C-alpha atoms as a PDB file:
ATOM      1  CA  MET A   1      -5.901 -13.894   6.264  1.00  0.00           C
ATOM      2  CA  LEU A   2      -6.836 -11.339   8.905  1.00  0.00           C
ATOM      3  CA  ALA A   3      -3.274 -10.036   8.918  1.00  0.00           C
ATOM      4  CA  VAL A   4      -3.368  -9.388   5.176  1.00  0.00           C
ATOM      5  CA  ASP A   5      -6.753  -7.673   5.536  1.00  0.00           C
ATOM      6  CA  PHE A   6      -5.197  -5.440   8.207  1.00  0.00           C
ATOM      7  CA  ALA A   7      -2.266  -4.555   5.941  1.00  0.00           C
ATOM      8  CA  MET A   8      -4.574  -3.733   3.014  1.00  0.00           C
ATOM      9  CA  GLU A   9      -6.812  -1.594   5.245  1.00  0.00           C
ATOM     10  CA  ASP A  10      -3.811   0.253   6.707  1.00  0.00           C
ATOM     11  CA  MET A  11      -2.429   1.039   3.265  1.00  0.00           C
ATOM     12  CA  SER A  12      -5.867   2.045   1.929  1.00  0.00           C
ATOM     13  CA  ARG A  13      -6.658   4.429   4.775  1.00  0.00           C
ATOM     14  CA  SER A  14      -3.247   6.067   4.655  1.00  0.00           C
ATOM     15  CA  LEU A  15      -3.314   6.482   0.876  1.00  0.00           C
ATOM     16  CA  ARG A  16      -6.873   7.826   0.866  1.00  0.00           C
ATOM     17  CA  THR A  17      -5.937  10.706   3.167  1.00  0.00           C
ATOM     18  CA  GLY A  18      -2.489  11.184   1.625  1.00  0.00           C
ATOM     19  CA  SER A  19      -1.161  13.082  -1.376  1.00  0.00           C
ATOM     20  CA  GLU A  20       1.884  13.366  -3.647  1.00  0.00           C
ATOM     21  CA  TYR A  21       2.096   9.635  -4.378  1.00  0.00           C
ATOM     22  CA  ASP A  22       5.480   8.411  -5.601  1.00  0.00           C
ATOM     23  CA  ILE A  23       5.709   4.812  -6.792  1.00  0.00           C
ATOM     24  CA  THR A  24       9.269   3.485  -6.863  1.00  0.00           C
ATOM     25  CA  GLY A  25       9.450   0.359  -8.968  1.00  0.00           C
ATOM     26  CA  ASP A  26       6.321  -1.752  -8.621  1.00  0.00           C
ATOM     27  CA  ASP A  27       6.574  -2.769  -4.991  1.00  0.00           C
ATOM     28  CA  GLU A  28       7.223   0.467  -3.114  1.00  0.00           C
ATOM     29  CA  ILE A  29       5.232   3.662  -2.627  1.00  0.00           C
ATOM     30  CA  SER A  30       5.835   6.832  -0.637  1.00  0.00           C
ATOM     31  CA  PHE A  31       3.532   9.776  -0.087  1.00  0.00           C
ATOM     32  CA  LEU A  32       2.658  12.565   2.323  1.00  0.00           C
ATOM     33  CA  ASP A  33       0.027  11.724   4.927  1.00  0.00           C
ATOM     34  CA  GLU A  34      -2.609  14.162   6.201  1.00  0.00           C
ATOM     35  CA  ASP A  35       0.009  15.705   8.542  1.00  0.00           C
ATOM     36  CA  ASP A  36       2.522  16.177   5.685  1.00  0.00           C
ATOM     37  CA  GLU A  37       4.700  13.377   7.069  1.00  0.00           C
ATOM     38  CA  ARG A  38       6.388  10.952   4.648  1.00  0.00           C
ATOM     39  CA  VAL A  39       4.875   7.417   4.745  1.00  0.00           C
ATOM     40  CA  GLU A  40       6.285   4.452   2.826  1.00  0.00           C
ATOM     41  CA  TYR A  41       5.136   0.906   2.109  1.00  0.00           C
ATOM     42  CA  ARG A  42       7.154  -1.823   0.421  1.00  0.00           C
ATOM     43  CA  LEU A  43       7.567  -5.543  -0.099  1.00  0.00           C
ATOM     44  CA  SER A  44      10.671  -6.949   1.578  1.00  0.00           C
ATOM     45  CA  ASN A  45      11.590 -10.545   2.432  1.00  0.00           C
ATOM     46  CA  GLY A  46       8.032 -11.753   1.800  1.00  0.00           C
ATOM     47  CA  ALA A  47       6.389  -9.166   4.063  1.00  0.00           C
ATOM     48  CA  ILE A  48       4.559  -5.900   3.561  1.00  0.00           C
ATOM     49  CA  GLN A  49       6.456  -3.267   5.543  1.00  0.00           C
ATOM     50  CA  LYS A  50       5.666   0.296   6.599  1.00  0.00           C
ATOM     51  CA  ASN A  51       7.930   3.202   7.483  1.00  0.00           C
ATOM     52  CA  THR A  52       6.892   6.547   8.998  1.00  0.00           C
ATOM     53  CA  PRO A  53       8.800   9.270  10.888  1.00  0.00           C
ATOM     54  CA  ASP A  54       7.361   7.836  14.134  1.00  0.00           C
ATOM     55  CA  TYR A  55       9.006   4.447  13.539  1.00  0.00           C
ATOM     56  CA  SER A  56      12.683   3.690  13.949  1.00  0.00           C
ATOM     57  CA  GLY A  57      12.867   1.862  10.631  1.00  0.00           C
ATOM     58  CA  TRP A  58      10.683  -0.476   8.618  1.00  0.00           C
ATOM     59  CA  LEU A  59       8.036  -2.481  10.506  1.00  0.00           C
ATOM     60  CA  PRO A  60       6.306  -5.564   9.063  1.00  0.00           C
ATOM     61  CA  LEU A  61       2.518  -5.408   8.692  1.00  0.00           C
ATOM     62  CA  THR A  62       2.179  -9.095   7.854  1.00  0.00           C
ATOM     63  CA  PRO A  63       3.227 -11.970  10.148  1.00  0.00           C
ATOM     64  CA  ASP A  64       5.986 -14.469   9.323  1.00  0.00           C
ATOM     65  CA  GLU A  65       3.509 -17.246   8.442  1.00  0.00           C
ATOM     66  CA  VAL A  66       2.086 -15.132   5.588  1.00  0.00           C
ATOM     67  CA  VAL A  67       4.399 -14.939   2.576  1.00  0.00           C
ATOM     68  CA  ILE A  68       3.735 -12.087   0.161  1.00  0.00           C
ATOM     69  CA  THR A  69       5.149 -13.010  -3.242  1.00  0.00           C
ATOM     70  CA  ASN A  70       4.008  -9.960  -5.189  1.00  0.00           C
ATOM     71  CA  LEU A  71       3.005  -6.421  -4.221  1.00  0.00           C
ATOM     72  CA  VAL A  72       2.233  -3.981  -7.028  1.00  0.00           C
ATOM     73  CA  PHE A  73       1.252  -0.332  -6.723  1.00  0.00           C
ATOM     74  CA  SER A  74      -0.020   1.441  -9.824  1.00  0.00           C
ATOM     75  CA  GLN A  75      -1.232   5.006 -10.137  1.00  0.00           C
ATOM     76  CA  GLY A  76      -3.722   6.504 -12.509  1.00  0.00           C
ATOM     77  CA  SER A  77      -6.455   8.991 -13.185  1.00  0.00           C
ATOM     78  CA  SER A  78      -8.566   9.440 -16.266  1.00  0.00           C
ATOM     79  CA  GLY A  79      -8.495  13.189 -16.757  1.00  0.00           C
ATOM     80  CA  LEU A  80      -7.098  16.571 -15.829  1.00  0.00           C
ATOM     81  CA  TYR A  81      -9.471  17.160 -12.914  1.00  0.00           C
ATOM     82  CA  ASP A  82      -9.794  13.567 -11.704  1.00  0.00           C
ATOM     83  CA  GLN A  83      -8.514  12.597  -8.308  1.00  0.00           C
ATOM     84  CA  PRO A  84      -5.274  10.582  -8.213  1.00  0.00           C
ATOM     85  CA  ARG A  85      -5.940   6.872  -7.751  1.00  0.00           C
ATOM     86  CA  VAL A  86      -3.674   4.064  -6.550  1.00  0.00           C
ATOM     87  CA  THR A  87      -4.418   0.394  -7.175  1.00  0.00           C
ATOM     88  CA  ILE A  88      -2.823  -2.170  -4.864  1.00  0.00           C
ATOM     89  CA  ASN A  89      -2.396  -5.811  -5.932  1.00  0.00           C
ATOM     90  CA  VAL A  90      -1.177  -8.421  -3.451  1.00  0.00           C
ATOM     91  CA  VAL A  91      -0.364 -12.073  -4.120  1.00  0.00           C
ATOM     92  CA  GLY A  92       0.762 -14.452  -1.387  1.00  0.00           C
ATOM     93  CA  HIS A  93       0.191 -17.672   0.512  1.00  0.00           C
ATOM     94  CA  ILE A  94       0.318 -19.141   3.998  1.00  0.00           C
ATOM     95  CA  GLU A  95       3.821 -20.517   4.574  1.00  0.00           C
ATOM     96  CA  ALA A  96       2.652 -23.936   5.819  1.00  0.00           C
ATOM     97  CA  ASP A  97       0.338 -24.357   2.816  1.00  0.00           C
ATOM     98  CA  PRO A  98       1.704 -23.103  -0.531  1.00  0.00           C
ATOM     99  CA  GLU A  99      -1.600 -24.147  -2.158  1.00  0.00           C
ATOM    100  CA  SER A 100      -3.407 -21.492  -0.081  1.00  0.00           C
ATOM    101  CA  GLU A 101      -2.423 -18.786  -2.565  1.00  0.00           C
ATOM    102  CA  PHE A 102      -4.514 -15.614  -2.438  1.00  0.00           C
ATOM    103  CA  TYR A 103      -4.955 -12.600  -4.691  1.00  0.00           C
ATOM    104  CA  LEU A 104      -6.193  -9.259  -3.381  1.00  0.00           C
ATOM    105  CA  GLN A 105      -6.806  -5.986  -5.157  1.00  0.00           C
ATOM    106  CA  THR A 106      -8.158  -2.626  -4.075  1.00  0.00           C
ATOM    107  CA  SER A 107      -8.182   0.869  -5.520  1.00  0.00           C
ATOM    108  CA  VAL A 108      -7.963   4.026  -3.455  1.00  0.00           C
ATOM    109  CA  THR A 109      -8.838   7.551  -4.546  1.00  0.00           C
ATOM    110  CA  GLN A 110      -7.190  10.541  -2.896  1.00  0.00           C
ATOM    111  CA  ARG A 111      -9.691  12.309  -0.643  1.00  0.00           C
ATOM    112  CA  GLU A 112      -8.045  15.750  -0.827  1.00  0.00           C
ATOM    113  CA  LEU A 113      -9.379  17.722  -3.782  1.00  0.00           C
ATOM    114  CA  ASN A 114      -6.883  17.826  -6.608  1.00  0.00           C
ATOM    115  CA  PHE A 115      -8.363  20.642  -8.677  1.00  0.00           C
ATOM    116  CA  PRO A 116      -9.045  24.351  -8.293  1.00  0.00           C
ATOM    117  CA  LEU A 117     -12.480  25.384  -7.050  1.00  0.00           C
END
């Protein structure tokens, strides 16, 4: 489970300091990081993957023995001056033990102020 914790933490940190979130379907998100570089996360072949300009393509964040069956990004805010928020839901299991299914959820609020001062 440590690998899934790492993937969730990586996505959370990047999203928190990012902006201009764009959710494509349910299982893919792209946004600008703090350096205005495009960052993307997606579910592909049972793995959470990440792509940045520094990488030469998509890199898996979860190992082969962890199978991610569902990754959902949803965006929301409750008002005009509220910070954008992304909720991440992950469902998966350990390949050798399908009964080891896990469910994780976290919500991340954009750190950069989203309203005029």
